[in-house]
PDB file of all heavy atoms in Angstrom:
ATOM      1  N   VAL A   1      -1.595  -7.311   7.859  1.00  0.00           N
ATOM      2  CA  VAL A   1      -1.270  -7.448   6.441  1.00  0.00           C
ATOM      3  C   VAL A   1      -0.269  -8.590   6.299  1.00  0.00           C
ATOM      4  O   VAL A   1       0.368  -8.998   7.271  1.00  0.00           O
ATOM      5  CB  VAL A   1      -0.718  -6.135   5.851  1.00  0.00           C
ATOM      6  CG1 VAL A   1      -1.783  -5.061   5.883  1.00  0.00           C
ATOM      7  CG2 VAL A   1       0.528  -5.673   6.600  1.00  0.00           C
ATOM      8  N   PHE A   2      -0.145  -9.106   5.087  1.00  0.00           N
ATOM      9  CA  PHE A   2       0.660 -10.299   4.858  1.00  0.00           C
ATOM     10  C   PHE A   2       1.865  -9.933   4.009  1.00  0.00           C
ATOM     11  O   PHE A   2       1.715  -9.552   2.850  1.00  0.00           O
ATOM     12  CB  PHE A   2      -0.194 -11.366   4.160  1.00  0.00           C
ATOM     13  CG  PHE A   2       0.453 -12.710   4.083  1.00  0.00           C
ATOM     14  CD1 PHE A   2       0.696 -13.452   5.223  1.00  0.00           C
ATOM     15  CD2 PHE A   2       0.811 -13.239   2.853  1.00  0.00           C
ATOM     16  CE1 PHE A   2       1.284 -14.709   5.153  1.00  0.00           C
ATOM     17  CE2 PHE A   2       1.392 -14.499   2.762  1.00  0.00           C
ATOM     18  CZ  PHE A   2       1.631 -15.228   3.925  1.00  0.00           C
ATOM     19  N   ILE A   3       3.058 -10.007   4.602  1.00  0.00           N
ATOM     20  CA  ILE A   3       4.265  -9.632   3.879  1.00  0.00           C
ATOM     21  C   ILE A   3       5.082 -10.880   3.547  1.00  0.00           C
ATOM     22  O   ILE A   3       5.080 -11.860   4.296  1.00  0.00           O
ATOM     23  CB  ILE A   3       5.125  -8.630   4.678  1.00  0.00           C
ATOM     24  CG1 ILE A   3       5.678  -9.273   5.956  1.00  0.00           C
ATOM     25  CG2 ILE A   3       4.318  -7.372   5.006  1.00  0.00           C
ATOM     26  CD1 ILE A   3       6.720  -8.415   6.664  1.00  0.00           C
ATOM     27  N   PRO A   4       5.801 -10.856   2.418  1.00  0.00           N
ATOM     28  CA  PRO A   4       6.636 -12.011   2.079  1.00  0.00           C
ATOM     29  C   PRO A   4       7.898 -12.021   2.933  1.00  0.00           C
ATOM     30  O   PRO A   4       8.487 -10.976   3.215  1.00  0.00           O
ATOM     31  CB  PRO A   4       6.965 -11.778   0.606  1.00  0.00           C
ATOM     32  CG  PRO A   4       6.884 -10.299   0.420  1.00  0.00           C
ATOM     33  CD  PRO A   4       5.831  -9.812   1.377  1.00  0.00           C
ATOM     34  N   THR A   5       8.317 -13.210   3.354  1.00  0.00           N
ATOM     35  CA  THR A   5       9.558 -13.360   4.115  1.00  0.00           C
ATOM     36  C   THR A   5      10.564 -14.233   3.371  1.00  0.00           C
ATOM     37  O   THR A   5      11.694 -14.395   3.812  1.00  0.00           O
ATOM     38  CB  THR A   5       9.275 -13.976   5.493  1.00  0.00           C
ATOM     39  OG1 THR A   5       8.585 -15.219   5.318  1.00  0.00           O
ATOM     40  CG2 THR A   5       8.415 -13.038   6.332  1.00  0.00           C
ATOM     41  N   GLY A   6      10.146 -14.799   2.273  1.00  0.00           N
ATOM     42  CA  GLY A   6      11.002 -15.652   1.464  1.00  0.00           C
ATOM     43  C   GLY A   6      10.197 -16.188   0.311  1.00  0.00           C
ATOM     44  O   GLY A   6       9.032 -15.826   0.120  1.00  0.00           O
ATOM     45  N   GLU A   7      10.784 -17.056  -0.491  1.00  0.00           N
ATOM     46  CA  GLU A   7      10.073 -17.611  -1.632  1.00  0.00           C
ATOM     47  C   GLU A   7       8.957 -18.530  -1.142  1.00  0.00           C
ATOM     48  O   GLU A   7       9.215 -19.584  -0.546  1.00  0.00           O
ATOM     49  CB  GLU A   7      11.034 -18.391  -2.533  1.00  0.00           C
ATOM     50  CG  GLU A   7      10.372 -18.857  -3.818  1.00  0.00           C
ATOM     51  CD  GLU A   7      11.367 -19.460  -4.802  1.00  0.00           C
ATOM     52  OE1 GLU A   7      12.581 -19.283  -4.605  1.00  0.00           O
ATOM     53  OE2 GLU A   7      10.899 -20.109  -5.748  1.00  0.00           O
ATOM     54  N   GLY A   8       7.710 -18.101  -1.339  1.00  0.00           N
ATOM     55  CA  GLY A   8       6.563 -18.896  -0.918  1.00  0.00           C
ATOM     56  C   GLY A   8       6.264 -18.839   0.556  1.00  0.00           C
ATOM     57  O   GLY A   8       5.396 -19.568   1.041  1.00  0.00           O
ATOM     58  N   THR A   9       6.939 -17.986   1.306  1.00  0.00           N
ATOM     59  CA  THR A   9       6.691 -17.877   2.744  1.00  0.00           C
ATOM     60  C   THR A   9       6.396 -16.418   3.105  1.00  0.00           C
ATOM     61  O   THR A   9       6.889 -15.490   2.459  1.00  0.00           O
ATOM     62  CB  THR A   9       7.889 -18.357   3.575  1.00  0.00           C
ATOM     63  OG1 THR A   9       9.028 -17.533   3.289  1.00  0.00           O
ATOM     64  CG2 THR A   9       8.211 -19.807   3.273  1.00  0.00           C
ATOM     65  N   GLY A  10       5.601 -16.235   4.151  1.00  0.00           N
ATOM     66  CA  GLY A  10       5.271 -14.885   4.586  1.00  0.00           C
ATOM     67  C   GLY A  10       4.741 -14.895   5.996  1.00  0.00           C
ATOM     68  O   GLY A  10       4.621 -15.945   6.633  1.00  0.00           O
ATOM     69  N   GLU A  11       4.418 -13.706   6.501  1.00  0.00           N
ATOM     70  CA  GLU A  11       3.880 -13.600   7.853  1.00  0.00           C
ATOM     71  C   GLU A  11       2.917 -12.425   7.951  1.00  0.00           C
ATOM     72  O   GLU A  11       3.008 -11.457   7.182  1.00  0.00           O
ATOM     73  CB  GLU A  11       5.002 -13.443   8.882  1.00  0.00           C
ATOM     74  CG  GLU A  11       5.800 -12.155   8.740  1.00  0.00           C
ATOM     75  CD  GLU A  11       6.839 -11.991   9.831  1.00  0.00           C
ATOM     76  OE1 GLU A  11       6.726 -12.687  10.859  1.00  0.00           O
ATOM     77  OE2 GLU A  11       7.755 -11.158   9.661  1.00  0.00           O
ATOM     78  N   LEU A  12       1.988 -12.520   8.903  1.00  0.00           N
ATOM     79  CA  LEU A  12       1.053 -11.441   9.181  1.00  0.00           C
ATOM     80  C   LEU A  12       1.697 -10.443  10.127  1.00  0.00           C
ATOM     81  O   LEU A  12       2.264 -10.818  11.159  1.00  0.00           O
ATOM     82  CB  LEU A  12      -0.233 -11.999   9.806  1.00  0.00           C
ATOM     83  CG  LEU A  12      -1.134 -12.810   8.880  1.00  0.00           C
ATOM     84  CD1 LEU A  12      -2.179 -13.565   9.680  1.00  0.00           C
ATOM     85  CD2 LEU A  12      -1.809 -11.897   7.857  1.00  0.00           C
ATOM     86  N   VAL A  13       1.615  -9.157   9.774  1.00  0.00           N
ATOM     87  CA  VAL A  13       2.195  -8.100  10.603  1.00  0.00           C
ATOM     88  C   VAL A  13       1.226  -6.922  10.660  1.00  0.00           C
ATOM     89  O   VAL A  13       0.307  -6.815   9.854  1.00  0.00           O
ATOM     90  CB  VAL A  13       3.554  -7.613  10.052  1.00  0.00           C
ATOM     91  CG1 VAL A  13       4.580  -8.745  10.045  1.00  0.00           C
ATOM     92  CG2 VAL A  13       3.392  -7.015   8.651  1.00  0.00           C
ATOM     93  N   GLN A  14       1.469  -6.020  11.603  1.00  0.00           N
ATOM     94  CA  GLN A  14       0.648  -4.815  11.709  1.00  0.00           C
ATOM     95  C   GLN A  14       1.009  -3.844  10.593  1.00  0.00           C
ATOM     96  O   GLN A  14       2.178  -3.713  10.225  1.00  0.00           O
ATOM     97  CB  GLN A  14       0.871  -4.146  13.067  1.00  0.00           C
ATOM     98  CG  GLN A  14      -0.054  -2.962  13.317  1.00  0.00           C
ATOM     99  CD  GLN A  14       0.024  -2.465  14.756  1.00  0.00           C
ATOM    100  OE1 GLN A  14       0.250  -3.239  15.658  1.00  0.00           O
ATOM    101  NE2 GLN A  14      -0.165  -1.173  14.930  1.00  0.00           N
ATOM    102  N   PRO A  15       0.029  -3.160  10.034  1.00  0.00           N
ATOM    103  CA  PRO A  15       0.330  -2.190   8.979  1.00  0.00           C
ATOM    104  C   PRO A  15       1.264  -1.084   9.459  1.00  0.00           C
ATOM    105  O   PRO A  15       1.338  -0.786  10.657  1.00  0.00           O
ATOM    106  CB  PRO A  15      -1.042  -1.617   8.613  1.00  0.00           C
ATOM    107  CG  PRO A  15      -2.030  -2.645   9.060  1.00  0.00           C
ATOM    108  CD  PRO A  15      -1.421  -3.276  10.275  1.00  0.00           C
ATOM    109  N   GLY A  16       1.948  -0.475   8.511  1.00  0.00           N
ATOM    110  CA  GLY A  16       2.829   0.633   8.830  1.00  0.00           C
ATOM    111  C   GLY A  16       2.071   1.945   8.949  1.00  0.00           C
ATOM    112  O   GLY A  16       0.903   2.050   8.559  1.00  0.00           O
ATOM    113  N   LEU A  17       2.723   2.940   9.513  1.00  0.00           N
ATOM    114  CA  LEU A  17       2.133   4.281   9.616  1.00  0.00           C
ATOM    115  C   LEU A  17       2.081   4.901   8.227  1.00  0.00           C
ATOM    116  O   LEU A  17       3.103   5.018   7.562  1.00  0.00           O
ATOM    117  CB  LEU A  17       2.958   5.154  10.556  1.00  0.00           C
ATOM    118  CG  LEU A  17       2.470   6.602  10.719  1.00  0.00           C
ATOM    119  CD1 LEU A  17       1.139   6.633  11.452  1.00  0.00           C
ATOM    120  CD2 LEU A  17       3.511   7.444  11.456  1.00  0.00           C
ATOM    121  N   PRO A  18       0.882   5.304   7.758  1.00  0.00           N
ATOM    122  CA  PRO A  18       0.791   5.865   6.412  1.00  0.00           C
ATOM    123  C   PRO A  18       1.093   7.363   6.404  1.00  0.00           C
ATOM    124  O   PRO A  18       1.150   8.014   7.446  1.00  0.00           O
ATOM    125  CB  PRO A  18      -0.681   5.634   6.058  1.00  0.00           C
ATOM    126  CG  PRO A  18      -1.382   5.796   7.377  1.00  0.00           C
ATOM    127  CD  PRO A  18      -0.441   5.216   8.409  1.00  0.00           C
ATOM    128  N   ARG A  19       1.274   7.881   5.191  1.00  0.00           N
ATOM    129  CA  ARG A  19       1.360   9.327   5.011  1.00  0.00           C
ATOM    130  C   ARG A  19       0.114   9.796   4.270  1.00  0.00           C
ATOM    131  O   ARG A  19      -0.486   9.046   3.497  1.00  0.00           O
ATOM    132  CB  ARG A  19       2.620   9.723   4.252  1.00  0.00           C
ATOM    133  CG  ARG A  19       2.644   9.269   2.807  1.00  0.00           C
ATOM    134  CD  ARG A  19       3.808   9.877   2.034  1.00  0.00           C
ATOM    135  NE  ARG A  19       3.802   9.441   0.638  1.00  0.00           N
ATOM    136  CZ  ARG A  19       3.084  10.013  -0.314  1.00  0.00           C
ATOM    137  NH1 ARG A  19       2.282  11.047  -0.046  1.00  0.00           N
ATOM    138  NH2 ARG A  19       3.133   9.574  -1.562  1.00  0.00           N
ATOM    139  N   ALA A  20      -0.265  11.037   4.523  1.00  0.00           N
ATOM    140  CA  ALA A  20      -1.463  11.588   3.883  1.00  0.00           C
ATOM    141  C   ALA A  20      -1.170  11.962   2.435  1.00  0.00           C
ATOM    142  O   ALA A  20      -0.123  12.548   2.121  1.00  0.00           O
ATOM    143  CB  ALA A  20      -1.945  12.813   4.652  1.00  0.00           C
ATOM    144  N   LEU A  21      -2.106  11.630   1.564  1.00  0.00           N
ATOM    145  CA  LEU A  21      -1.994  11.975   0.150  1.00  0.00           C
ATOM    146  C   LEU A  21      -2.246  13.461  -0.070  1.00  0.00           C
ATOM    147  O   LEU A  21      -3.102  14.069   0.585  1.00  0.00           O
ATOM    148  CB  LEU A  21      -3.009  11.177  -0.664  1.00  0.00           C
ATOM    149  CG  LEU A  21      -2.750   9.682  -0.816  1.00  0.00           C
ATOM    150  CD1 LEU A  21      -4.039   8.955  -1.169  1.00  0.00           C
ATOM    151  CD2 LEU A  21      -1.678   9.439  -1.883  1.00  0.00           C
ATOM    152  N   SER A  22      -1.531  14.041  -1.027  1.00  0.00           N
ATOM    153  CA  SER A  22      -1.831  15.401  -1.452  1.00  0.00           C
ATOM    154  C   SER A  22      -3.032  15.383  -2.385  1.00  0.00           C
ATOM    155  O   SER A  22      -3.404  14.321  -2.922  1.00  0.00           O
ATOM    156  CB  SER A  22      -0.628  16.016  -2.181  1.00  0.00           C
ATOM    157  OG  SER A  22      -0.430  15.360  -3.435  1.00  0.00           O
ATOM    158  N   VAL A  23      -3.651  16.527  -2.605  1.00  0.00           N
ATOM    159  CA  VAL A  23      -4.785  16.602  -3.531  1.00  0.00           C
ATOM    160  C   VAL A  23      -4.355  16.170  -4.932  1.00  0.00           C
ATOM    161  O   VAL A  23      -5.080  15.442  -5.627  1.00  0.00           O
ATOM    162  CB  VAL A  23      -5.379  18.026  -3.544  1.00  0.00           C
ATOM    163  CG1 VAL A  23      -6.386  18.180  -4.690  1.00  0.00           C
ATOM    164  CG2 VAL A  23      -6.042  18.342  -2.211  1.00  0.00           C
ATOM    165  N   GLU A  24      -3.158  16.582  -5.343  1.00  0.00           N
ATOM    166  CA  GLU A  24      -2.663  16.190  -6.660  1.00  0.00           C
ATOM    167  C   GLU A  24      -2.527  14.669  -6.757  1.00  0.00           C
ATOM    168  O   GLU A  24      -2.910  14.061  -7.773  1.00  0.00           O
ATOM    169  CB  GLU A  24      -1.311  16.857  -6.928  1.00  0.00           C
ATOM    170  CG  GLU A  24      -0.739  16.523  -8.299  1.00  0.00           C
ATOM    171  CD  GLU A  24       0.611  17.189  -8.542  1.00  0.00           C
ATOM    172  OE1 GLU A  24       1.168  17.773  -7.604  1.00  0.00           O
ATOM    173  OE2 GLU A  24       1.097  17.116  -9.692  1.00  0.00           O
ATOM    174  N   GLU A  25      -2.035  14.034  -5.711  1.00  0.00           N
ATOM    175  CA  GLU A  25      -1.898  12.577  -5.717  1.00  0.00           C
ATOM    176  C   GLU A  25      -3.261  11.885  -5.743  1.00  0.00           C
ATOM    177  O   GLU A  25      -3.431  10.837  -6.382  1.00  0.00           O
ATOM    178  CB  GLU A  25      -1.115  12.121  -4.494  1.00  0.00           C
ATOM    179  CG  GLU A  25       0.374  12.456  -4.550  1.00  0.00           C
ATOM    180  CD  GLU A  25       1.080  12.067  -3.264  1.00  0.00           C
ATOM    181  OE1 GLU A  25       0.566  12.408  -2.175  1.00  0.00           O
ATOM    182  OE2 GLU A  25       2.137  11.416  -3.346  1.00  0.00           O
ATOM    183  N   ILE A  26      -4.230  12.461  -5.046  1.00  0.00           N
ATOM    184  CA  ILE A  26      -5.586  11.889  -5.062  1.00  0.00           C
ATOM    185  C   ILE A  26      -6.131  11.880  -6.486  1.00  0.00           C
ATOM    186  O   ILE A  26      -6.689  10.875  -6.951  1.00  0.00           O
ATOM    187  CB  ILE A  26      -6.509  12.681  -4.120  1.00  0.00           C
ATOM    188  CG1 ILE A  26      -6.089  12.483  -2.662  1.00  0.00           C
ATOM    189  CG2 ILE A  26      -7.967  12.261  -4.311  1.00  0.00           C
ATOM    190  CD1 ILE A  26      -6.792  13.411  -1.686  1.00  0.00           C
ATOM    191  N   LYS A  27      -5.968  12.991  -7.184  1.00  0.00           N
ATOM    192  CA  LYS A  27      -6.441  13.075  -8.571  1.00  0.00           C
ATOM    193  C   LYS A  27      -5.738  12.032  -9.447  1.00  0.00           C
ATOM    194  O   LYS A  27      -6.357  11.435 -10.342  1.00  0.00           O
ATOM    195  CB  LYS A  27      -6.186  14.470  -9.132  1.00  0.00           C
ATOM    196  CG  LYS A  27      -6.815  15.605  -8.350  1.00  0.00           C
ATOM    197  CD  LYS A  27      -8.311  15.652  -8.511  1.00  0.00           C
ATOM    198  CE  LYS A  27      -8.903  16.912  -7.873  1.00  0.00           C
ATOM    199  NZ  LYS A  27     -10.383  16.912  -7.917  1.00  0.00           N
ATOM    200  N   GLU A  28      -4.446  11.803  -9.174  1.00  0.00           N
ATOM    201  CA  GLU A  28      -3.697  10.812  -9.949  1.00  0.00           C
ATOM    202  C   GLU A  28      -4.229   9.402  -9.697  1.00  0.00           C
ATOM    203  O   GLU A  28      -4.337   8.599 -10.627  1.00  0.00           O
ATOM    204  CB  GLU A  28      -2.202  10.889  -9.596  1.00  0.00           C
ATOM    205  CG  GLU A  28      -1.523  12.153 -10.100  1.00  0.00           C
ATOM    206  CD  GLU A  28      -0.126  12.334  -9.527  1.00  0.00           C
ATOM    207  OE1 GLU A  28       0.261  11.550  -8.619  1.00  0.00           O
ATOM    208  OE2 GLU A  28       0.581  13.262  -9.972  1.00  0.00           O
ATOM    209  N   ILE A  29      -4.571   9.096  -8.443  1.00  0.00           N
ATOM    210  CA  ILE A  29      -5.088   7.772  -8.131  1.00  0.00           C
ATOM    211  C   ILE A  29      -6.454   7.555  -8.778  1.00  0.00           C
ATOM    212  O   ILE A  29      -6.766   6.454  -9.248  1.00  0.00           O
ATOM    213  CB  ILE A  29      -5.134   7.551  -6.601  1.00  0.00           C
ATOM    214  CG1 ILE A  29      -3.708   7.441  -6.054  1.00  0.00           C
ATOM    215  CG2 ILE A  29      -5.926   6.291  -6.254  1.00  0.00           C
ATOM    216  CD1 ILE A  29      -3.630   7.312  -4.545  1.00  0.00           C
ATOM    217  N   VAL A  30      -7.271   8.595  -8.830  1.00  0.00           N
ATOM    218  CA  VAL A  30      -8.557   8.495  -9.534  1.00  0.00           C
ATOM    219  C   VAL A  30      -8.319   8.042 -10.972  1.00  0.00           C
ATOM    220  O   VAL A  30      -9.010   7.145 -11.486  1.00  0.00           O
ATOM    221  CB  VAL A  30      -9.304   9.839  -9.491  1.00  0.00           C
ATOM    222  CG1 VAL A  30     -10.483   9.828 -10.467  1.00  0.00           C
ATOM    223  CG2 VAL A  30      -9.787  10.150  -8.078  1.00  0.00           C
ATOM    224  N   GLN A  31      -7.337   8.628 -11.622  1.00  0.00           N
ATOM    225  CA  GLN A  31      -7.046   8.254 -13.005  1.00  0.00           C
ATOM    226  C   GLN A  31      -6.437   6.859 -13.104  1.00  0.00           C
ATOM    227  O   GLN A  31      -6.631   6.167 -14.110  1.00  0.00           O
ATOM    228  CB  GLN A  31      -6.122   9.296 -13.651  1.00  0.00           C
ATOM    229  CG  GLN A  31      -6.788  10.648 -13.853  1.00  0.00           C
ATOM    230  CD  GLN A  31      -8.125  10.523 -14.583  1.00  0.00           C
ATOM    231  OE1 GLN A  31      -8.223   9.863 -15.627  1.00  0.00           O
ATOM    232  NE2 GLN A  31      -9.167  11.153 -14.041  1.00  0.00           N
ATOM    233  N   LEU A  32      -5.727   6.420 -12.064  1.00  0.00           N
ATOM    234  CA  LEU A  32      -5.209   5.050 -12.048  1.00  0.00           C
ATOM    235  C   LEU A  32      -6.345   4.037 -12.020  1.00  0.00           C
ATOM    236  O   LEU A  32      -6.240   2.954 -12.612  1.00  0.00           O
ATOM    237  CB  LEU A  32      -4.279   4.847 -10.852  1.00  0.00           C
ATOM    238  CG  LEU A  32      -2.924   5.546 -10.923  1.00  0.00           C
ATOM    239  CD1 LEU A  32      -2.162   5.367  -9.613  1.00  0.00           C
ATOM    240  CD2 LEU A  32      -2.092   5.016 -12.096  1.00  0.00           C
ATOM    241  N   TYR A  33      -7.441   4.371 -11.326  1.00  0.00           N
ATOM    242  CA  TYR A  33      -8.627   3.500 -11.354  1.00  0.00           C
ATOM    243  C   TYR A  33      -9.185   3.413 -12.773  1.00  0.00           C
ATOM    244  O   TYR A  33      -9.563   2.319 -13.234  1.00  0.00           O
ATOM    245  CB  TYR A  33      -9.707   4.025 -10.409  1.00  0.00           C
ATOM    246  CG  TYR A  33      -9.590   3.535  -8.983  1.00  0.00           C
ATOM    247  CD1 TYR A  33      -8.954   4.300  -8.012  1.00  0.00           C
ATOM    248  CD2 TYR A  33     -10.142   2.311  -8.594  1.00  0.00           C
ATOM    249  CE1 TYR A  33      -8.854   3.861  -6.688  1.00  0.00           C
ATOM    250  CE2 TYR A  33     -10.051   1.869  -7.287  1.00  0.00           C
ATOM    251  CZ  TYR A  33      -9.407   2.640  -6.339  1.00  0.00           C
ATOM    252  OH  TYR A  33      -9.310   2.196  -5.052  1.00  0.00           O
ATOM    253  N   ALA A  34      -9.258   4.532 -13.459  1.00  0.00           N
ATOM    254  CA  ALA A  34      -9.782   4.527 -14.830  1.00  0.00           C
ATOM    255  C   ALA A  34      -8.884   3.714 -15.750  1.00  0.00           C
ATOM    256  O   ALA A  34      -9.372   2.940 -16.594  1.00  0.00           O
ATOM    257  CB  ALA A  34      -9.922   5.962 -15.340  1.00  0.00           C
TER     258      ALA A  34
END
């Protein structure tokens, strides 16, 4: 993934460890798509 390191500069790094979404959060993201 590409993260910013300064104004107009960035670097490629490995993604971070994610957390699992709850069912309630999944439903919220569905509505964010809408």
